[in-house]
């Protein structure tokens, strides 16, 4: 048991597992997977939408590194396209992408479908 936090190693491991399960829940609820490779999504956009989902569900998001690890564990491999890290074969659905567009001040990247939406 940690004297400073009062948590055991098992509790920390359980908390990490729960956080990873929440990423899996986000993927299950908010994405369509197994699309062809023409469906390209920047990892930064996917992570930003995950953060919004976490806020809506009153949960703390994982770091981008741990989020990316869960993606790999789920068979979602990131690659480079036009010098940007992207995932292929996945699309975010529902209200999350709309809220992400409204809340972000980040300019769409070269692979972002957000830059192709009508004004």
PDB file of N, CA and C in Angstrom:
ATOM      1  N   UNK A   1       0.853  -1.178   0.000  1.00  0.00           N
ATOM      2  CA  UNK A   1       0.000   0.000   0.000  1.00  0.00           C
ATOM      3  C   UNK A   1       0.893   1.233   0.000  1.00  0.00           C
ATOM      4  N   UNK A   2       0.534   2.198  -0.776  1.00  0.00           N
ATOM      5  CA  UNK A   2       1.283   3.437  -0.844  1.00  0.00           C
ATOM      6  C   UNK A   2       0.914   4.292   0.359  1.00  0.00           C
ATOM      7  N   UNK A   3       1.930   4.732   1.094  1.00  0.00           N
ATOM      8  CA  UNK A   3       1.679   5.535   2.282  1.00  0.00           C
ATOM      9  C   UNK A   3       1.064   6.881   1.916  1.00  0.00           C
ATOM     10  N   UNK A   4       1.440   7.419   0.756  1.00  0.00           N
ATOM     11  CA  UNK A   4       0.959   8.747   0.384  1.00  0.00           C
ATOM     12  C   UNK A   4      -0.478   8.719  -0.132  1.00  0.00           C
ATOM     13  N   UNK A   5      -0.826   7.701  -0.901  1.00  0.00           N
ATOM     14  CA  UNK A   5      -2.154   7.705  -1.514  1.00  0.00           C
ATOM     15  C   UNK A   5      -3.132   6.764  -0.847  1.00  0.00           C
ATOM     16  N   UNK A   6      -2.614   5.783  -0.126  1.00  0.00           N
ATOM     17  CA  UNK A   6      -3.499   4.825   0.512  1.00  0.00           C
ATOM     18  C   UNK A   6      -4.070   3.814  -0.461  1.00  0.00           C
ATOM     19  N   UNK A   7      -3.483   3.699  -1.644  1.00  0.00           N
ATOM     20  CA  UNK A   7      -3.973   2.738  -2.625  1.00  0.00           C
ATOM     21  C   UNK A   7      -2.984   1.605  -2.775  1.00  0.00           C
ATOM     22  N   UNK A   8      -3.494   0.463  -3.086  1.00  0.00           N
ATOM     23  CA  UNK A   8      -2.635  -0.692  -3.304  1.00  0.00           C
ATOM     24  C   UNK A   8      -2.282  -0.786  -4.774  1.00  0.00           C
ATOM     25  N   UNK A   9      -1.275  -1.588  -5.057  1.00  0.00           N
ATOM     26  CA  UNK A   9      -0.886  -1.820  -6.445  1.00  0.00           C
ATOM     27  C   UNK A   9      -2.039  -2.440  -7.217  1.00  0.00           C
ATOM     28  N   UNK A  10      -2.756  -3.352  -6.595  1.00  0.00           N
ATOM     29  CA  UNK A  10      -3.899  -3.995  -7.249  1.00  0.00           C
ATOM     30  C   UNK A  10      -4.984  -2.971  -7.570  1.00  0.00           C
ATOM     31  N   UNK A  11      -5.207  -2.025  -6.667  1.00  0.00           N
ATOM     32  CA  UNK A  11      -6.215  -0.996  -6.910  1.00  0.00           C
ATOM     33  C   UNK A  11      -5.803  -0.111  -8.078  1.00  0.00           C
ATOM     34  N   UNK A  12      -4.512   0.243  -8.132  1.00  0.00           N
ATOM     35  CA  UNK A  12      -4.036   1.052  -9.255  1.00  0.00           C
ATOM     36  C   UNK A  12      -4.184   0.286 -10.560  1.00  0.00           C
ATOM     37  N   UNK A  13      -3.858  -0.994 -10.553  1.00  0.00           N
ATOM     38  CA  UNK A  13      -4.002  -1.819 -11.750  1.00  0.00           C
ATOM     39  C   UNK A  13      -5.467  -1.897 -12.156  1.00  0.00           C
ATOM     40  N   UNK A  14      -6.350  -2.062 -11.187  1.00  0.00           N
ATOM     41  CA  UNK A  14      -7.781  -2.101 -11.476  1.00  0.00           C
ATOM     42  C   UNK A  14      -8.277  -0.792 -12.053  1.00  0.00           C
ATOM     43  N   UNK A  15      -7.783   0.338 -11.513  1.00  0.00           N
ATOM     44  CA  UNK A  15      -8.173   1.641 -12.042  1.00  0.00           C
ATOM     45  C   UNK A  15      -7.701   1.815 -13.476  1.00  0.00           C
ATOM     46  N   UNK A  16      -6.484   1.352 -13.773  1.00  0.00           N
ATOM     47  CA  UNK A  16      -5.965   1.444 -15.138  1.00  0.00           C
ATOM     48  C   UNK A  16      -6.812   0.599 -16.073  1.00  0.00           C
ATOM     49  N   UNK A  17      -7.184  -0.583 -15.621  1.00  0.00           N
ATOM     50  CA  UNK A  17      -8.021  -1.471 -16.432  1.00  0.00           C
ATOM     51  C   UNK A  17      -9.364  -0.806 -16.707  1.00  0.00           C
ATOM     52  N   UNK A  18      -9.938  -0.182 -15.698  1.00  0.00           N
ATOM     53  CA  UNK A  18     -11.210   0.503 -15.869  1.00  0.00           C
ATOM     54  C   UNK A  18     -11.077   1.641 -16.870  1.00  0.00           C
ATOM     55  N   UNK A  19      -9.999   2.406 -16.795  1.00  0.00           N
ATOM     56  CA  UNK A  19      -9.777   3.504 -17.737  1.00  0.00           C
ATOM     57  C   UNK A  19      -9.625   2.971 -19.156  1.00  0.00           C
ATOM     58  N   UNK A  20      -8.902   1.871 -19.313  1.00  0.00           N
ATOM     59  CA  UNK A  20      -8.758   1.258 -20.634  1.00  0.00           C
ATOM     60  C   UNK A  20     -10.107   0.747 -21.134  1.00  0.00           C
ATOM     61  N   UNK A  21     -10.912   0.210 -20.230  1.00  0.00           N
ATOM     62  CA  UNK A  21     -12.250  -0.253 -20.609  1.00  0.00           C
ATOM     63  C   UNK A  21     -13.117   0.908 -21.085  1.00  0.00           C
ATOM     64  N   UNK A  22     -12.914   2.099 -20.503  1.00  0.00           N
ATOM     65  CA  UNK A  22     -13.682   3.266 -20.943  1.00  0.00           C
ATOM     66  C   UNK A  22     -13.294   3.666 -22.367  1.00  0.00           C
ATOM     67  N   UNK A  23     -12.017   3.511 -22.732  1.00  0.00           N
ATOM     68  CA  UNK A  23     -11.619   3.764 -24.124  1.00  0.00           C
ATOM     69  C   UNK A  23     -12.334   2.771 -25.029  1.00  0.00           C
ATOM     70  N   UNK A  24     -12.363   1.522 -24.612  1.00  0.00           N
ATOM     71  CA  UNK A  24     -13.060   0.503 -25.400  1.00  0.00           C
ATOM     72  C   UNK A  24     -14.554   0.821 -25.513  1.00  0.00           C
ATOM     73  N   UNK A  25     -15.125   1.340 -24.438  1.00  0.00           N
ATOM     74  CA  UNK A  25     -16.536   1.728 -24.471  1.00  0.00           C
ATOM     75  C   UNK A  25     -16.740   2.880 -25.453  1.00  0.00           C
ATOM     76  N   UNK A  26     -15.855   3.878 -25.419  1.00  0.00           N
ATOM     77  CA  UNK A  26     -15.918   4.981 -26.386  1.00  0.00           C
ATOM     78  C   UNK A  26     -15.879   4.438 -27.811  1.00  0.00           C
ATOM     79  N   UNK A  27     -14.951   3.518 -28.071  1.00  0.00           N
ATOM     80  CA  UNK A  27     -14.831   2.944 -29.413  1.00  0.00           C
ATOM     81  C   UNK A  27     -16.103   2.202 -29.810  1.00  0.00           C
ATOM     82  N   UNK A  28     -16.687   1.460 -28.860  1.00  0.00           N
ATOM     83  CA  UNK A  28     -17.891   0.678 -29.155  1.00  0.00           C
ATOM     84  C   UNK A  28     -19.105   1.569 -29.407  1.00  0.00           C
ATOM     85  N   UNK A  29     -19.231   2.630 -28.627  1.00  0.00           N
ATOM     86  CA  UNK A  29     -20.418   3.476 -28.690  1.00  0.00           C
ATOM     87  C   UNK A  29     -20.321   4.535 -29.788  1.00  0.00           C
ATOM     88  N   UNK A  30     -19.134   5.053 -30.021  1.00  0.00           N
ATOM     89  CA  UNK A  30     -18.992   6.248 -30.860  1.00  0.00           C
ATOM     90  C   UNK A  30     -18.305   6.025 -32.201  1.00  0.00           C
ATOM     91  N   UNK A  31     -17.911   4.803 -32.513  1.00  0.00           N
ATOM     92  CA  UNK A  31     -17.214   4.600 -33.781  1.00  0.00           C
ATOM     93  C   UNK A  31     -17.811   3.447 -34.576  1.00  0.00           C
ATOM     94  N   UNK A  32     -17.580   3.516 -35.859  1.00  0.00           N
ATOM     95  CA  UNK A  32     -17.846   2.407 -36.772  1.00  0.00           C
ATOM     96  C   UNK A  32     -16.475   1.952 -37.232  1.00  0.00           C
ATOM     97  N   UNK A  33     -16.231   0.647 -37.108  1.00  0.00           N
ATOM     98  CA  UNK A  33     -14.909   0.113 -37.440  1.00  0.00           C
ATOM     99  C   UNK A  33     -15.008  -0.858 -38.605  1.00  0.00           C
ATOM    100  N   UNK A  34     -13.863  -1.326 -39.012  1.00  0.00           N
ATOM    101  CA  UNK A  34     -13.750  -2.302 -40.099  1.00  0.00           C
ATOM    102  C   UNK A  34     -14.236  -1.748 -41.433  1.00  0.00           C
ATOM    103  N   UNK A  35     -14.076  -0.445 -41.628  1.00  0.00           N
ATOM    104  CA  UNK A  35     -14.367   0.161 -42.919  1.00  0.00           C
ATOM    105  C   UNK A  35     -13.146  -0.021 -43.816  1.00  0.00           C
ATOM    106  N   UNK A  36     -13.275   0.321 -45.088  1.00  0.00           N
ATOM    107  CA  UNK A  36     -12.098   0.190 -45.950  1.00  0.00           C
ATOM    108  C   UNK A  36     -11.099   1.311 -45.638  1.00  0.00           C
ATOM    109  N   UNK A  37      -9.936   1.208 -46.242  1.00  0.00           N
ATOM    110  CA  UNK A  37      -8.850   2.136 -45.926  1.00  0.00           C
ATOM    111  C   UNK A  37      -9.085   3.557 -46.420  1.00  0.00           C
ATOM    112  N   UNK A  38     -10.178   3.786 -47.150  1.00  0.00           N
ATOM    113  CA  UNK A  38     -10.463   5.162 -47.562  1.00  0.00           C
ATOM    114  C   UNK A  38     -11.005   5.979 -46.384  1.00  0.00           C
ATOM    115  N   UNK A  39     -11.474   5.310 -45.344  1.00  0.00           N
ATOM    116  CA  UNK A  39     -11.903   5.997 -44.120  1.00  0.00           C
ATOM    117  C   UNK A  39     -10.652   6.260 -43.292  1.00  0.00           C
ATOM    118  N   UNK A  40     -10.214   7.510 -43.292  1.00  0.00           N
ATOM    119  CA  UNK A  40      -8.978   7.904 -42.616  1.00  0.00           C
ATOM    120  C   UNK A  40      -9.323   8.953 -41.571  1.00  0.00           C
ATOM    121  N   UNK A  41      -8.790   8.781 -40.379  1.00  0.00           N
ATOM    122  CA  UNK A  41      -9.073   9.707 -39.286  1.00  0.00           C
ATOM    123  C   UNK A  41      -7.778  10.042 -38.561  1.00  0.00           C
ATOM    124  N   UNK A  42      -7.421  11.318 -38.474  1.00  0.00           N
ATOM    125  CA  UNK A  42      -6.233  11.678 -37.706  1.00  0.00           C
ATOM    126  C   UNK A  42      -6.379  11.244 -36.241  1.00  0.00           C
ATOM    127  N   UNK A  43      -5.321  10.690 -35.701  1.00  0.00           N
ATOM    128  CA  UNK A  43      -5.331  10.246 -34.304  1.00  0.00           C
ATOM    129  C   UNK A  43      -5.639  11.426 -33.386  1.00  0.00           C
ATOM    130  N   UNK A  44      -5.111  12.612 -33.708  1.00  0.00           N
ATOM    131  CA  UNK A  44      -5.369  13.791 -32.870  1.00  0.00           C
ATOM    132  C   UNK A  44      -6.861  14.109 -32.812  1.00  0.00           C
ATOM    133  N   UNK A  45      -7.562  13.959 -33.938  1.00  0.00           N
ATOM    134  CA  UNK A  45      -9.009  14.201 -33.942  1.00  0.00           C
ATOM    135  C   UNK A  45      -9.747  13.129 -33.141  1.00  0.00           C
ATOM    136  N   UNK A  46      -9.353  11.874 -33.322  1.00  0.00           N
ATOM    137  CA  UNK A  46      -9.984  10.784 -32.570  1.00  0.00           C
ATOM    138  C   UNK A  46      -9.786  10.993 -31.073  1.00  0.00           C
ATOM    139  N   UNK A  47      -8.578  11.373 -30.670  1.00  0.00           N
ATOM    140  CA  UNK A  47      -8.290  11.610 -29.257  1.00  0.00           C
ATOM    141  C   UNK A  47      -9.100  12.806 -28.740  1.00  0.00           C
ATOM    142  N   UNK A  48      -9.202  13.866 -29.531  1.00  0.00           N
ATOM    143  CA  UNK A  48      -9.993  15.030 -29.124  1.00  0.00           C
ATOM    144  C   UNK A  48     -11.455  14.676 -28.902  1.00  0.00           C
ATOM    145  N   UNK A  49     -11.981  13.821 -29.773  1.00  0.00           N
ATOM    146  CA  UNK A  49     -13.375  13.393 -29.616  1.00  0.00           C
ATOM    147  C   UNK A  49     -13.539  12.486 -28.400  1.00  0.00           C
ATOM    148  N   UNK A  50     -12.522  11.676 -28.125  1.00  0.00           N
ATOM    149  CA  UNK A  50     -12.524  10.840 -26.918  1.00  0.00           C
ATOM    150  C   UNK A  50     -12.556  11.726 -25.665  1.00  0.00           C
ATOM    151  N   UNK A  51     -11.795  12.815 -25.667  1.00  0.00           N
ATOM    152  CA  UNK A  51     -11.789  13.728 -24.515  1.00  0.00           C
ATOM    153  C   UNK A  51     -13.183  14.317 -24.302  1.00  0.00           C
ATOM    154  N   UNK A  52     -13.835  14.731 -25.376  1.00  0.00           N
ATOM    155  CA  UNK A  52     -15.201  15.259 -25.252  1.00  0.00           C
ATOM    156  C   UNK A  52     -16.130  14.194 -24.684  1.00  0.00           C
ATOM    157  N   UNK A  53     -16.009  12.965 -25.167  1.00  0.00           N
ATOM    158  CA  UNK A  53     -16.827  11.868 -24.658  1.00  0.00           C
ATOM    159  C   UNK A  53     -16.574  11.674 -23.162  1.00  0.00           C
ATOM    160  N   UNK A  54     -15.313  11.744 -22.753  1.00  0.00           N
ATOM    161  CA  UNK A  54     -14.982  11.604 -21.324  1.00  0.00           C
ATOM    162  C   UNK A  54     -15.640  12.705 -20.507  1.00  0.00           C
ATOM    163  N   UNK A  55     -15.583  13.948 -21.003  1.00  0.00           N
ATOM    164  CA  UNK A  55     -16.222  15.060 -20.295  1.00  0.00           C
ATOM    165  C   UNK A  55     -17.720  14.815 -20.146  1.00  0.00           C
ATOM    166  N   UNK A  56     -18.353  14.336 -21.202  1.00  0.00           N
ATOM    167  CA  UNK A  56     -19.791  14.076 -21.151  1.00  0.00           C
ATOM    168  C   UNK A  56     -20.133  12.935 -20.198  1.00  0.00           C
ATOM    169  N   UNK A  57     -19.179  12.051 -19.974  1.00  0.00           N
ATOM    170  CA  UNK A  57     -19.404  10.897 -19.105  1.00  0.00           C
ATOM    171  C   UNK A  57     -18.726  11.041 -17.747  1.00  0.00           C
ATOM    172  N   UNK A  58     -18.301  12.261 -17.427  1.00  0.00           N
ATOM    173  CA  UNK A  58     -17.696  12.577 -16.119  1.00  0.00           C
ATOM    174  C   UNK A  58     -16.579  11.612 -15.749  1.00  0.00           C
ATOM    175  N   UNK A  59     -15.664  11.403 -16.678  1.00  0.00           N
ATOM    176  CA  UNK A  59     -14.535  10.524 -16.435  1.00  0.00           C
ATOM    177  C   UNK A  59     -13.257  11.189 -16.926  1.00  0.00           C
ATOM    178  N   UNK A  60     -12.166  10.852 -16.303  1.00  0.00           N
ATOM    179  CA  UNK A  60     -10.879  11.411 -16.701  1.00  0.00           C
ATOM    180  C   UNK A  60     -10.331  10.654 -17.902  1.00  0.00           C
ATOM    181  N   UNK A  61      -9.871  11.377 -18.924  1.00  0.00           N
ATOM    182  CA  UNK A  61      -9.301  10.694 -20.089  1.00  0.00           C
ATOM    183  C   UNK A  61      -7.903  10.160 -19.802  1.00  0.00           C
ATOM    184  N   UNK A  62      -7.544   9.121 -20.532  1.00  0.00           N
ATOM    185  CA  UNK A  62      -6.172   8.624 -20.491  1.00  0.00           C
ATOM    186  C   UNK A  62      -5.279   9.585 -21.262  1.00  0.00           C
ATOM    187  N   UNK A  63      -3.989   9.508 -21.018  1.00  0.00           N
ATOM    188  CA  UNK A  63      -3.035  10.279 -21.810  1.00  0.00           C
ATOM    189  C   UNK A  63      -3.084   9.783 -23.251  1.00  0.00           C
ATOM    190  N   UNK A  64      -2.590  10.580 -24.176  1.00  0.00           N
ATOM    191  CA  UNK A  64      -2.565  10.176 -25.583  1.00  0.00           C
ATOM    192  C   UNK A  64      -1.741   8.905 -25.764  1.00  0.00           C
ATOM    193  N   UNK A  65      -0.691   8.738 -24.961  1.00  0.00           N
ATOM    194  CA  UNK A  65       0.143   7.541 -25.076  1.00  0.00           C
ATOM    195  C   UNK A  65      -0.641   6.291 -24.678  1.00  0.00           C
ATOM    196  N   UNK A  66      -1.352   6.356 -23.564  1.00  0.00           N
ATOM    197  CA  UNK A  66      -2.143   5.199 -23.126  1.00  0.00           C
ATOM    198  C   UNK A  66      -3.344   4.974 -24.039  1.00  0.00           C
ATOM    199  N   UNK A  67      -3.949   6.047 -24.511  1.00  0.00           N
ATOM    200  CA  UNK A  67      -5.047   5.941 -25.472  1.00  0.00           C
ATOM    201  C   UNK A  67      -4.563   5.208 -26.725  1.00  0.00           C
ATOM    202  N   UNK A  68      -3.396   5.592 -27.223  1.00  0.00           N
ATOM    203  CA  UNK A  68      -2.825   4.947 -28.415  1.00  0.00           C
ATOM    204  C   UNK A  68      -2.514   3.480 -28.162  1.00  0.00           C
ATOM    205  N   UNK A  69      -2.082   3.160 -26.939  1.00  0.00           N
ATOM    206  CA  UNK A  69      -1.805   1.762 -26.589  1.00  0.00           C
ATOM    207  C   UNK A  69      -3.089   0.938 -26.653  1.00  0.00           C
ATOM    208  N   UNK A  70      -4.186   1.478 -26.124  1.00  0.00           N
ATOM    209  CA  UNK A  70      -5.460   0.758 -26.171  1.00  0.00           C
ATOM    210  C   UNK A  70      -5.903   0.576 -27.628  1.00  0.00           C
ATOM    211  N   UNK A  71      -5.701   1.597 -28.457  1.00  0.00           N
ATOM    212  CA  UNK A  71      -6.032   1.448 -29.878  1.00  0.00           C
ATOM    213  C   UNK A  71      -5.269   0.269 -30.475  1.00  0.00           C
ATOM    214  N   UNK A  72      -3.966   0.200 -30.203  1.00  0.00           N
ATOM    215  CA  UNK A  72      -3.156  -0.917 -30.717  1.00  0.00           C
ATOM    216  C   UNK A  72      -3.666  -2.245 -30.181  1.00  0.00           C
ATOM    217  N   UNK A  73      -3.989  -2.283 -28.879  1.00  0.00           N
ATOM    218  CA  UNK A  73      -4.515  -3.511 -28.273  1.00  0.00           C
ATOM    219  C   UNK A  73      -5.813  -3.950 -28.948  1.00  0.00           C
ATOM    220  N   UNK A  74      -6.566  -2.992 -29.453  1.00  0.00           N
ATOM    221  CA  UNK A  74      -7.837  -3.274 -30.126  1.00  0.00           C
ATOM    222  C   UNK A  74      -7.652  -3.529 -31.622  1.00  0.00           C
ATOM    223  N   UNK A  75      -6.411  -3.564 -32.071  1.00  0.00           N
ATOM    224  CA  UNK A  75      -6.138  -3.837 -33.479  1.00  0.00           C
ATOM    225  C   UNK A  75      -6.252  -2.627 -34.382  1.00  0.00           C
ATOM    226  N   UNK A  76      -6.285  -1.443 -33.789  1.00  0.00           N
ATOM    227  CA  UNK A  76      -6.353  -0.204 -34.567  1.00  0.00           C
ATOM    228  C   UNK A  76      -4.944   0.374 -34.615  1.00  0.00           C
ATOM    229  N   UNK A  77      -4.297   0.189 -35.739  1.00  0.00           N
ATOM    230  CA  UNK A  77      -2.907   0.615 -35.900  1.00  0.00           C
ATOM    231  C   UNK A  77      -2.845   1.995 -36.539  1.00  0.00           C
ATOM    232  N   UNK A  78      -2.030   2.854 -35.972  1.00  0.00           N
ATOM    233  CA  UNK A  78      -1.812   4.179 -36.548  1.00  0.00           C
ATOM    234  C   UNK A  78      -0.673   4.108 -37.554  1.00  0.00           C
ATOM    235  N   UNK A  79      -0.789   4.913 -38.569  1.00  0.00           N
ATOM    236  CA  UNK A  79       0.263   5.032 -39.567  1.00  0.00           C
ATOM    237  C   UNK A  79       0.403   6.488 -39.969  1.00  0.00           C
ATOM    238  N   UNK A  80       1.382   6.767 -40.788  1.00  0.00           N
ATOM    239  CA  UNK A  80       1.583   8.133 -41.259  1.00  0.00           C
ATOM    240  C   UNK A  80       0.995   8.298 -42.653  1.00  0.00           C
ATOM    241  N   UNK A  81       0.295   9.388 -42.826  1.00  0.00           N
ATOM    242  CA  UNK A  81      -0.224   9.760 -44.138  1.00  0.00           C
ATOM    243  C   UNK A  81      -0.100  11.269 -44.242  1.00  0.00           C
ATOM    244  N   UNK A  82       0.585  11.727 -45.260  1.00  0.00           N
ATOM    245  CA  UNK A  82       0.839  13.166 -45.427  1.00  0.00           C
ATOM    246  C   UNK A  82       1.430  13.771 -44.157  1.00  0.00           C
ATOM    247  N   UNK A  83       2.376  13.068 -43.575  1.00  0.00           N
ATOM    248  CA  UNK A  83       3.114  13.500 -42.370  1.00  0.00           C
ATOM    249  C   UNK A  83       2.223  13.688 -41.139  1.00  0.00           C
ATOM    250  N   UNK A  84       1.106  13.001 -41.101  1.00  0.00           N
ATOM    251  CA  UNK A  84       0.196  13.073 -39.958  1.00  0.00           C
ATOM    252  C   UNK A  84      -0.144  11.656 -39.518  1.00  0.00           C
ATOM    253  N   UNK A  85      -0.189  11.441 -38.199  1.00  0.00           N
ATOM    254  CA  UNK A  85      -0.543  10.122 -37.670  1.00  0.00           C
ATOM    255  C   UNK A  85      -2.045   9.915 -37.826  1.00  0.00           C
ATOM    256  N   UNK A  86      -2.419   8.823 -38.507  1.00  0.00           N
ATOM    257  CA  UNK A  86      -3.826   8.539 -38.785  1.00  0.00           C
ATOM    258  C   UNK A  86      -4.143   7.083 -38.475  1.00  0.00           C
ATOM    259  N   UNK A  87      -5.434   6.817 -38.313  1.00  0.00           N
ATOM    260  CA  UNK A  87      -5.938   5.447 -38.262  1.00  0.00           C
ATOM    261  C   UNK A  87      -6.858   5.283 -39.463  1.00  0.00           C
ATOM    262  N   UNK A  88      -6.847   4.086 -40.021  1.00  0.00           N
ATOM    263  CA  UNK A  88      -7.665   3.811 -41.203  1.00  0.00           C
ATOM    264  C   UNK A  88      -8.758   2.815 -40.844  1.00  0.00           C
ATOM    265  N   UNK A  89      -9.868   2.911 -41.577  1.00  0.00           N
ATOM    266  CA  UNK A  89     -10.944   1.953 -41.397  1.00  0.00           C
ATOM    267  C   UNK A  89     -11.842   2.230 -40.210  1.00  0.00           C
ATOM    268  N   UNK A  90     -11.826   3.464 -39.710  1.00  0.00           N
ATOM    269  CA  UNK A  90     -12.637   3.815 -38.542  1.00  0.00           C
ATOM    270  C   UNK A  90     -13.258   5.195 -38.765  1.00  0.00           C
ATOM    271  N   UNK A  91     -14.471   5.371 -38.279  1.00  0.00           N
ATOM    272  CA  UNK A  91     -15.167   6.640 -38.391  1.00  0.00           C
ATOM    273  C   UNK A  91     -15.924   6.887 -37.085  1.00  0.00           C
ATOM    274  N   UNK A  92     -15.909   8.124 -36.628  1.00  0.00           N
ATOM    275  CA  UNK A  92     -16.646   8.490 -35.415  1.00  0.00           C
ATOM    276  C   UNK A  92     -18.052   8.911 -35.827  1.00  0.00           C
ATOM    277  N   UNK A  93     -19.047   8.472 -35.059  1.00  0.00           N
ATOM    278  CA  UNK A  93     -20.447   8.742 -35.388  1.00  0.00           C
ATOM    279  C   UNK A  93     -21.141   9.481 -34.250  1.00  0.00           C
ATOM    280  N   UNK A  94     -22.370   9.876 -34.478  1.00  0.00           N
ATOM    281  CA  UNK A  94     -23.176  10.510 -33.441  1.00  0.00           C
ATOM    282  C   UNK A  94     -22.875  11.990 -33.296  1.00  0.00           C
ATOM    283  N   UNK A  95     -23.132  12.521 -32.123  1.00  0.00           N
ATOM    284  CA  UNK A  95     -22.985  13.949 -31.848  1.00  0.00           C
ATOM    285  C   UNK A  95     -21.554  14.371 -31.526  1.00  0.00           C
ATOM    286  N   UNK A  96     -20.709  13.427 -31.169  1.00  0.00           N
ATOM    287  CA  UNK A  96     -19.340  13.761 -30.751  1.00  0.00           C
ATOM    288  C   UNK A  96     -18.584  14.533 -31.837  1.00  0.00           C
ATOM    289  N   UNK A  97     -18.584  14.107 -33.105  1.00  0.00           N
ATOM    290  CA  UNK A  97     -17.842  14.873 -34.115  1.00  0.00           C
ATOM    291  C   UNK A  97     -18.365  16.301 -34.279  1.00  0.00           C
ATOM    292  N   UNK A  98     -19.671  16.474 -34.175  1.00  0.00           N
ATOM    293  CA  UNK A  98     -20.248  17.815 -34.293  1.00  0.00           C
ATOM    294  C   UNK A  98     -19.764  18.691 -33.153  1.00  0.00           C
ATOM    295  N   UNK A  99     -19.816  18.156 -31.936  1.00  0.00           N
ATOM    296  CA  UNK A  99     -19.359  18.927 -30.788  1.00  0.00           C
ATOM    297  C   UNK A  99     -17.871  19.225 -30.899  1.00  0.00           C
ATOM    298  N   UNK A 100     -17.100  18.273 -31.396  1.00  0.00           N
ATOM    299  CA  UNK A 100     -15.659  18.471 -31.571  1.00  0.00           C
ATOM    300  C   UNK A 100     -15.396  19.624 -32.538  1.00  0.00           C
ATOM    301  N   UNK A 101     -16.129  19.667 -33.642  1.00  0.00           N
ATOM    302  CA  UNK A 101     -15.961  20.750 -34.614  1.00  0.00           C
ATOM    303  C   UNK A 101     -16.292  22.093 -33.973  1.00  0.00           C
ATOM    304  N   UNK A 102     -17.368  22.136 -33.189  1.00  0.00           N
ATOM    305  CA  UNK A 102     -17.786  23.382 -32.566  1.00  0.00           C
ATOM    306  C   UNK A 102     -16.832  23.848 -31.474  1.00  0.00           C
ATOM    307  N   UNK A 103     -16.208  22.906 -30.768  1.00  0.00           N
ATOM    308  CA  UNK A 103     -15.379  23.261 -29.616  1.00  0.00           C
ATOM    309  C   UNK A 103     -13.907  23.465 -29.941  1.00  0.00           C
ATOM    310  N   UNK A 104     -13.431  22.891 -31.025  1.00  0.00           N
ATOM    311  CA  UNK A 104     -11.998  22.952 -31.278  1.00  0.00           C
ATOM    312  C   UNK A 104     -11.638  24.191 -32.085  1.00  0.00           C
ATOM    313  N   UNK A 105     -10.478  24.733 -31.781  1.00  0.00           N
ATOM    314  CA  UNK A 105      -9.971  25.843 -32.580  1.00  0.00           C
ATOM    315  C   UNK A 105      -8.796  25.385 -33.441  1.00  0.00           C
ATOM    316  N   UNK A 106      -8.578  24.080 -33.463  1.00  0.00           N
ATOM    317  CA  UNK A 106      -7.498  23.489 -34.252  1.00  0.00           C
ATOM    318  C   UNK A 106      -7.918  23.459 -35.712  1.00  0.00           C
ATOM    319  N   UNK A 107      -7.052  23.940 -36.574  1.00  0.00           N
ATOM    320  CA  UNK A 107      -7.328  23.862 -38.011  1.00  0.00           C
ATOM    321  C   UNK A 107      -7.298  22.398 -38.442  1.00  0.00           C
ATOM    322  N   UNK A 108      -8.198  21.998 -39.328  1.00  0.00           N
ATOM    323  CA  UNK A 108      -8.182  20.607 -39.789  1.00  0.00           C
ATOM    324  C   UNK A 108      -6.845  20.250 -40.432  1.00  0.00           C
ATOM    325  N   UNK A 109      -6.355  19.067 -40.128  1.00  0.00           N
ATOM    326  CA  UNK A 109      -5.110  18.587 -40.709  1.00  0.00           C
ATOM    327  C   UNK A 109      -5.320  18.140 -42.143  1.00  0.00           C
ATOM    328  N   UNK A 110      -4.243  17.752 -42.808  1.00  0.00           N
ATOM    329  CA  UNK A 110      -4.337  17.367 -44.219  1.00  0.00           C
ATOM    330  C   UNK A 110      -5.177  16.119 -44.462  1.00  0.00           C
ATOM    331  N   UNK A 111      -5.389  15.297 -43.443  1.00  0.00           N
ATOM    332  CA  UNK A 111      -6.164  14.066 -43.596  1.00  0.00           C
ATOM    333  C   UNK A 111      -7.542  14.143 -42.952  1.00  0.00           C
ATOM    334  N   UNK A 112      -7.886  15.279 -42.405  1.00  0.00           N
ATOM    335  CA  UNK A 112      -9.124  15.400 -41.644  1.00  0.00           C
ATOM    336  C   UNK A 112     -10.331  15.572 -42.552  1.00  0.00           C
ATOM    337  N   UNK A 113     -11.356  14.773 -42.300  1.00  0.00           N
ATOM    338  CA  UNK A 113     -12.618  14.961 -43.020  1.00  0.00           C
ATOM    339  C   UNK A 113     -13.297  16.240 -42.553  1.00  0.00           C
ATOM    340  N   UNK A 114     -12.861  16.773 -41.422  1.00  0.00           N
ATOM    341  CA  UNK A 114     -13.459  17.994 -40.900  1.00  0.00           C
ATOM    342  C   UNK A 114     -13.204  19.167 -41.833  1.00  0.00           C
ATOM    343  N   UNK A 115     -12.124  19.125 -42.596  1.00  0.00           N
ATOM    344  CA  UNK A 115     -11.808  20.196 -43.536  1.00  0.00           C
ATOM    345  C   UNK A 115     -12.604  20.120 -44.821  1.00  0.00           C
ATOM    346  N   UNK A 116     -13.321  19.029 -45.036  1.00  0.00           N
ATOM    347  CA  UNK A 116     -14.077  18.857 -46.279  1.00  0.00           C
ATOM    348  C   UNK A 116     -15.567  19.093 -46.100  1.00  0.00           C
ATOM    349  N   UNK A 117     -15.983  19.417 -44.894  1.00  0.00           N
ATOM    350  CA  UNK A 117     -17.402  19.650 -44.657  1.00  0.00           C
ATOM    351  C   UNK A 117     -17.813  20.988 -45.260  1.00  0.00           C
ATOM    352  N   UNK A 118     -19.037  21.094 -45.777  1.00  0.00           N
ATOM    353  CA  UNK A 118     -19.482  22.365 -46.359  1.00  0.00           C
ATOM    354  C   UNK A 118     -19.565  23.450 -45.303  1.00  0.00           C
ATOM    355  N   UNK A 119     -19.315  24.667 -45.709  1.00  0.00           N
ATOM    356  CA  UNK A 119     -19.329  25.807 -44.777  1.00  0.00           C
ATOM    357  C   UNK A 119     -20.740  26.228 -44.462  1.00  0.00           C
TER     358      UNK A 119
END
